[in-house]
Protein backbone atom coordinates (compact mmCIF):
# COMPACT_ATOMS: atom_id res chain seq x y z
CA MET A 1 71.76 164.23 101.67
CA VAL A 2 73.39 160.88 102.45
CA ASN A 3 76.68 162.01 100.93
CA LEU A 4 76.60 165.20 102.98
CA PHE A 5 75.93 163.24 106.18
CA SER A 6 78.79 160.79 105.46
CA GLN A 7 81.20 163.65 104.78
CA THR A 8 80.21 165.28 108.06
CA VAL A 9 80.79 162.04 109.97
CA GLN A 10 84.18 161.57 108.30
CA SER A 11 85.24 165.12 109.13
CA VAL A 12 84.23 164.66 112.77
CA ILE A 13 86.13 161.37 113.01
CA LEU A 14 89.24 162.84 111.41
CA ARG A 15 89.03 165.88 113.68
CA TRP A 16 88.97 163.71 116.79
CA ILE A 17 91.79 161.52 115.47
CA VAL A 18 93.94 164.63 114.95
CA ARG A 19 93.05 165.89 118.43
CA LEU A 20 93.91 162.51 119.95
CA CYS A 21 97.29 162.44 118.21
CA ALA A 22 98.02 165.97 119.39
CA PHE A 23 97.02 165.06 122.94
CA ILE A 24 99.24 161.95 122.94
CA SER A 25 102.22 163.95 121.64
CA ALA A 26 101.72 166.70 124.22
CA PHE A 27 101.23 164.14 127.00
CA VAL A 28 104.46 162.32 126.13
CA ILE A 29 106.48 165.54 125.95
CA VAL A 30 105.07 167.00 129.16
CA GLY A 31 105.47 163.68 130.96
CA LEU A 32 109.09 163.36 129.86
CA VAL A 33 109.91 166.92 130.92
CA CYS A 34 108.21 166.48 134.31
CA TYR A 35 110.02 163.19 134.89
CA ILE A 36 113.42 164.75 134.13
CA LEU A 37 112.72 167.71 136.41
CA TYR A 38 111.38 165.47 139.19
CA MET A 39 114.45 163.22 139.10
CA GLY A 40 117.04 165.92 138.43
CA LEU A 41 116.18 169.01 140.47
CA PRO A 42 116.59 167.37 143.93
CA ASN A 43 120.11 166.24 142.95
CA PHE A 44 121.51 169.68 142.17
CA SER A 45 124.46 170.86 144.25
CA LEU A 46 127.12 173.54 144.01
CA GLU A 47 129.79 170.86 143.69
CA MET A 48 128.44 169.98 140.26
CA PHE A 49 129.56 173.40 139.00
CA ALA A 50 133.14 173.20 140.26
CA SER A 51 135.80 174.37 137.83
CA GLU A 52 137.50 170.95 137.75
CA TYR A 53 136.02 167.48 137.54
CA THR A 54 136.88 164.98 140.25
CA SER A 55 135.51 161.59 141.21
CA ASP A 56 133.90 163.21 144.25
CA ASN A 57 132.02 166.15 142.72
CA ALA A 58 131.31 164.83 139.16
CA SER A 59 131.33 168.45 138.00
CA LEU A 60 129.55 169.24 134.74
CA PHE A 61 131.16 172.66 134.32
CA PRO A 62 133.99 171.43 132.03
CA ALA A 63 131.42 169.62 129.90
CA LEU A 64 129.31 172.78 129.70
CA ILE A 65 132.27 174.84 128.48
CA ASN A 66 133.19 172.13 125.99
CA THR A 67 129.60 172.07 124.72
CA ILE A 68 129.69 175.81 124.05
CA THR A 69 133.07 175.51 122.32
CA VAL A 70 132.02 172.58 120.14
CA THR A 71 128.74 174.25 119.17
CA PHE A 72 130.43 177.52 118.21
CA LEU A 73 133.23 175.90 116.19
CA THR A 74 130.87 173.49 114.43
CA LEU A 75 128.54 176.27 113.34
CA LEU A 76 131.54 178.37 112.32
CA ILE A 77 132.53 175.58 109.92
CA ALA A 78 129.14 174.31 108.75
CA ALA A 79 126.99 177.45 108.53
CA PRO A 80 128.97 179.41 105.89
CA ILE A 81 129.45 176.31 103.73
CA GLY A 82 125.82 175.25 104.03
CA VAL A 83 124.40 178.71 103.31
CA ALA A 84 126.77 179.28 100.36
CA SER A 85 125.89 175.86 98.91
CA ALA A 86 122.17 176.60 99.25
CA ILE A 87 122.62 179.95 97.50
CA TYR A 88 124.26 178.17 94.57
CA LEU A 89 121.55 175.51 94.40
CA ALA A 90 118.65 177.97 94.64
CA GLU A 91 119.93 181.00 92.76
CA TYR A 92 122.71 180.08 90.35
CA SER A 93 122.14 176.48 89.24
CA ARG A 94 120.04 175.75 86.21
CA ARG A 95 116.74 174.01 86.73
CA GLY A 96 116.90 170.35 85.78
CA ASN A 97 120.66 170.22 86.21
CA LYS A 98 121.68 166.61 86.87
CA PHE A 99 124.59 167.67 89.07
CA VAL A 100 122.26 169.68 91.29
CA ARG A 101 119.89 166.73 91.47
CA VAL A 102 122.76 164.51 92.65
CA ILE A 103 123.69 167.06 95.32
CA ARG A 104 120.13 167.19 96.65
CA ILE A 105 119.78 163.41 96.72
CA THR A 106 123.14 163.14 98.47
CA ALA A 107 122.13 165.74 101.07
CA GLU A 108 118.86 163.94 101.77
CA THR A 109 120.70 160.63 102.06
CA LEU A 110 123.25 162.07 104.47
CA SER A 111 120.44 163.41 106.64
CA GLY A 112 119.21 159.87 107.28
CA ILE A 113 122.55 158.30 108.16
CA PRO A 114 122.87 157.32 111.88
CA SER A 115 125.20 159.53 113.87
CA ILE A 116 127.38 156.59 114.90
CA VAL A 117 128.35 156.17 111.23
CA TYR A 118 129.56 159.77 111.21
CA GLY A 119 131.50 158.99 114.37
CA LEU A 120 133.22 156.01 112.76
CA PHE A 121 134.06 158.12 109.72
CA GLY A 122 135.52 160.83 111.95
CA LEU A 123 137.52 158.20 113.82
CA LEU A 124 139.00 156.79 110.62
CA PHE A 125 139.63 160.09 108.86
CA PHE A 126 140.19 162.91 111.36
CA VAL A 127 141.49 160.94 114.33
CA THR A 128 143.53 158.24 112.54
CA ALA A 129 144.35 159.40 109.00
CA LEU A 130 145.02 163.06 109.84
CA HIS A 131 146.59 162.15 113.23
CA TRP A 132 144.46 164.64 115.15
CA GLN A 133 143.90 162.05 117.88
CA PHE A 134 140.84 162.43 120.10
CA SER A 135 140.25 166.18 120.05
CA LEU A 136 137.52 168.79 120.01
CA LEU A 137 138.55 169.79 116.50
CA ALA A 138 137.98 166.25 115.22
CA GLY A 139 134.57 166.24 116.88
CA CYS A 140 133.67 169.66 115.45
CA CYS A 141 134.60 168.65 111.90
CA THR A 142 132.59 165.44 112.23
CA LEU A 143 129.55 167.30 113.54
CA ALA A 144 129.93 169.91 110.80
CA ILE A 145 129.61 167.18 108.17
CA MET A 146 126.62 165.76 110.03
CA VAL A 147 124.62 169.03 110.25
CA LEU A 148 125.67 170.37 106.85
CA PRO A 149 122.78 168.69 104.95
CA LEU A 150 120.25 170.12 107.42
CA ILE A 151 121.57 173.67 107.00
CA MET A 152 121.70 173.28 103.21
CA ARG A 153 118.16 172.01 102.86
CA THR A 154 116.53 174.49 105.25
CA THR A 155 118.40 177.41 103.69
CA GLU A 156 117.50 176.29 100.18
CA GLU A 157 113.83 175.96 101.11
CA ALA A 158 113.91 179.43 102.68
CA LEU A 159 115.45 180.90 99.52
CA LEU A 160 112.97 179.15 97.24
CA ALA A 161 110.11 180.48 99.38
CA VAL A 162 111.05 184.07 98.46
CA PRO A 163 108.68 185.21 95.67
CA ASP A 164 110.21 185.52 92.21
CA THR A 165 108.66 188.98 91.90
CA TYR A 166 111.29 190.25 94.37
CA ARG A 167 114.07 189.07 92.06
CA GLU A 168 112.34 190.37 88.92
CA ALA A 169 111.75 193.79 90.46
CA SER A 170 115.39 194.07 91.57
CA LEU A 171 116.75 192.97 88.22
CA GLY A 172 114.29 195.28 86.43
CA LEU A 173 115.67 198.26 88.37
CA GLY A 174 119.16 197.47 87.11
CA ALA A 175 120.63 195.56 90.05
CA GLY A 176 122.99 192.71 89.28
CA LYS A 177 122.51 189.09 90.22
CA LEU A 178 124.89 189.23 93.19
CA ARG A 179 123.36 192.41 94.58
CA THR A 180 119.88 190.96 94.18
CA VAL A 181 120.82 187.82 96.09
CA PHE A 182 122.52 189.58 99.00
CA ARG A 183 120.32 192.68 99.25
CA ILE A 184 116.88 191.30 98.41
CA VAL A 185 116.68 187.52 98.58
CA LEU A 186 118.85 186.73 101.61
CA PRO A 187 117.26 189.30 103.97
CA SER A 188 113.83 187.89 103.11
CA ALA A 189 115.02 184.34 103.79
CA VAL A 190 116.83 185.08 107.06
CA PRO A 191 114.07 183.72 109.37
CA GLY A 192 114.16 180.33 107.66
CA ILE A 193 117.96 180.27 107.66
CA VAL A 194 118.07 181.10 111.37
CA ASN A 195 115.61 178.30 112.14
CA GLY A 196 117.80 175.82 110.27
CA ILE A 197 120.90 176.91 112.16
CA VAL A 198 119.09 176.70 115.51
CA LEU A 199 117.84 173.19 114.67
CA SER A 200 121.41 172.24 113.85
CA THR A 201 122.53 173.71 117.16
CA GLY A 202 120.04 171.50 119.01
CA ARG A 203 121.39 168.44 117.24
CA ILE A 204 124.97 169.41 118.07
CA VAL A 205 124.18 169.93 121.74
CA GLY A 206 122.42 166.57 122.06
CA GLU A 207 124.89 164.51 120.03
CA THR A 208 126.74 161.67 121.75
CA ALA A 209 127.70 158.82 119.42
CA ALA A 210 129.69 160.91 116.95
CA LEU A 211 131.68 162.59 119.74
CA LEU A 212 132.52 159.39 121.59
CA TYR A 213 134.71 158.29 118.67
CA THR A 214 136.22 161.69 117.85
CA ALA A 215 136.34 164.10 120.81
CA GLY A 216 136.77 161.47 123.52
CA THR A 217 135.40 161.38 127.05
CA VAL A 218 138.05 163.19 129.08
CA ALA A 219 136.34 165.27 131.80
CA GLN A 220 138.39 168.43 131.47
CA ILE A 221 138.58 171.71 129.59
CA PRO A 222 141.39 171.13 127.07
CA PRO A 223 143.94 173.95 126.66
CA THR A 224 143.45 173.91 122.87
CA VAL A 225 140.97 172.46 120.41
CA MET A 226 143.48 169.68 119.74
CA GLY A 227 142.83 168.32 123.23
CA SER A 228 140.20 165.79 124.21
CA GLY A 229 137.07 166.70 126.16
CA ARG A 230 133.48 165.66 126.74
CA THR A 231 130.31 167.61 126.10
CA LEU A 232 127.19 167.61 128.28
CA ALA A 233 125.56 164.78 126.32
CA VAL A 234 128.71 162.64 126.55
CA HIS A 235 129.02 163.55 130.23
CA LEU A 236 125.45 162.36 130.81
CA TYR A 237 126.13 159.12 128.94
CA SER A 238 129.34 158.49 130.86
CA LEU A 239 127.73 159.04 134.26
CA TRP A 240 124.79 156.81 133.43
CA SER A 241 126.85 154.01 131.86
CA GLU A 242 129.14 153.89 134.89
CA GLY A 243 126.10 153.34 137.10
CA LEU A 244 127.70 155.07 140.08
CA ARG A 245 126.35 158.62 139.68
CA THR A 246 122.85 158.31 138.32
CA GLU A 247 121.70 161.25 140.46
CA GLN A 248 124.21 163.56 138.79
CA ALA A 249 123.17 162.12 135.43
CA TYR A 250 119.59 163.23 136.03
CA ALA A 251 120.81 166.68 137.06
CA THR A 252 122.85 166.89 133.87
CA ALA A 253 119.73 165.98 131.90
CA VAL A 254 117.98 168.98 133.45
CA ILE A 255 120.79 171.25 132.25
CA LEU A 256 120.49 169.80 128.74
CA LEU A 257 116.75 170.38 128.87
CA LEU A 258 117.29 174.00 129.89
CA VAL A 259 119.78 174.47 127.05
CA VAL A 260 117.21 173.19 124.55
CA ILE A 261 114.52 175.48 125.98
CA VAL A 262 116.86 178.47 125.76
CA LEU A 263 117.67 177.59 122.15
CA ASN A 264 113.97 177.50 121.30
CA ILE A 265 113.42 180.87 122.96
CA ILE A 266 116.36 182.35 121.07
CA SER A 267 115.03 180.85 117.83
CA SER A 268 111.61 182.42 118.34
CA GLY A 269 113.15 185.77 119.25
CA LEU A 270 115.51 185.80 116.28
CA GLU A 271 112.74 184.78 113.91
CA LYS A 272 110.52 187.64 115.07
CA LEU A 273 113.44 190.09 114.98
CA THR A 274 114.61 189.11 111.51
CA LYS A 275 111.06 189.02 110.17
CA GLY A 276 110.48 192.52 111.51
CA MET A 277 113.71 193.76 109.96
CA SER A 278 112.90 192.18 106.60
CA ASP A 279 109.37 193.64 106.64
CA GLY A 280 110.72 197.03 107.59
C-alpha cells in the first residue's frame, strides 16, 4: 500500500513537471513570436519591397530572391547526395561494417560543428582556393556540406523504420534489390525524407555566419550565381549591426518568421500527402 501511494505521488509530480516544461516552452515561443510581430508589423512599407536596394528604402526584395535561389541550389546539391548516401548505409552496407560506422560518426560530428566553422572552410576552399570569390555558388556549396549530415541521418532513420517484412515480401516475389529499394522501401520512407529536407530548408533560410564568409553581403540580385548577394538572414544581420535601420530589421524578422511558418505548413501537407500515397 505504501509503495503504491509513493508511485502515485511520483507519477503526479512527474506529470506536473512535464506540464510545466511544456508550458515554459510554449510561453517562450509565443512570447518571441508576439514580440517580433509587435515590433515588425508597424514598420512595414511598400518601399521595403522595391526591386532595387538603396540607402533610403532598405529593400528586402533582393534578399528574398537570393534566399529562394540559395535554398533551391543548396537542396539541389545536398538532397540527392544525402538520400543516395542514406540508401547505401541502410540498404547496401553490411551490418557491423567499420567503414559505415566511421561515416555515421563523422556525420554526427559534422552536425555539431558551429556554422561559422563551415563559413571559414568555405572561405578558404571555395572563395580562395577555387577562386570563386564571394558568390552565391560558394555559399550554396558551403550550406550543402552543412546540411548534408542532417539529410543523411533523417533519411537513414526513415529507411530503417520501414519494416523488414516489406523487403522480404518483395524479394520473395522475385523482385531484385534495386527494384525493392525504389518501388517498396523509398515510397514508404518518403514522409521521413521530406521532413528531413524541410528541416534542412529551415536551417538554410536562417543561416547567417556561413554566408557572411562565402556569399558576401552585397544588397543586390546578382546576374549569375557567381555574383555576390545577401539572403534575408544576412540582410537582417546587416541592418541590425549597422544600427541605423532597426525598424526595417524587425520587419525583415517578420518575413523570416512567415517563411518558417510556410515551411512548416508545407512540411505537414507533404507528409500527409506522401503518407496517403504510400498507404494507397
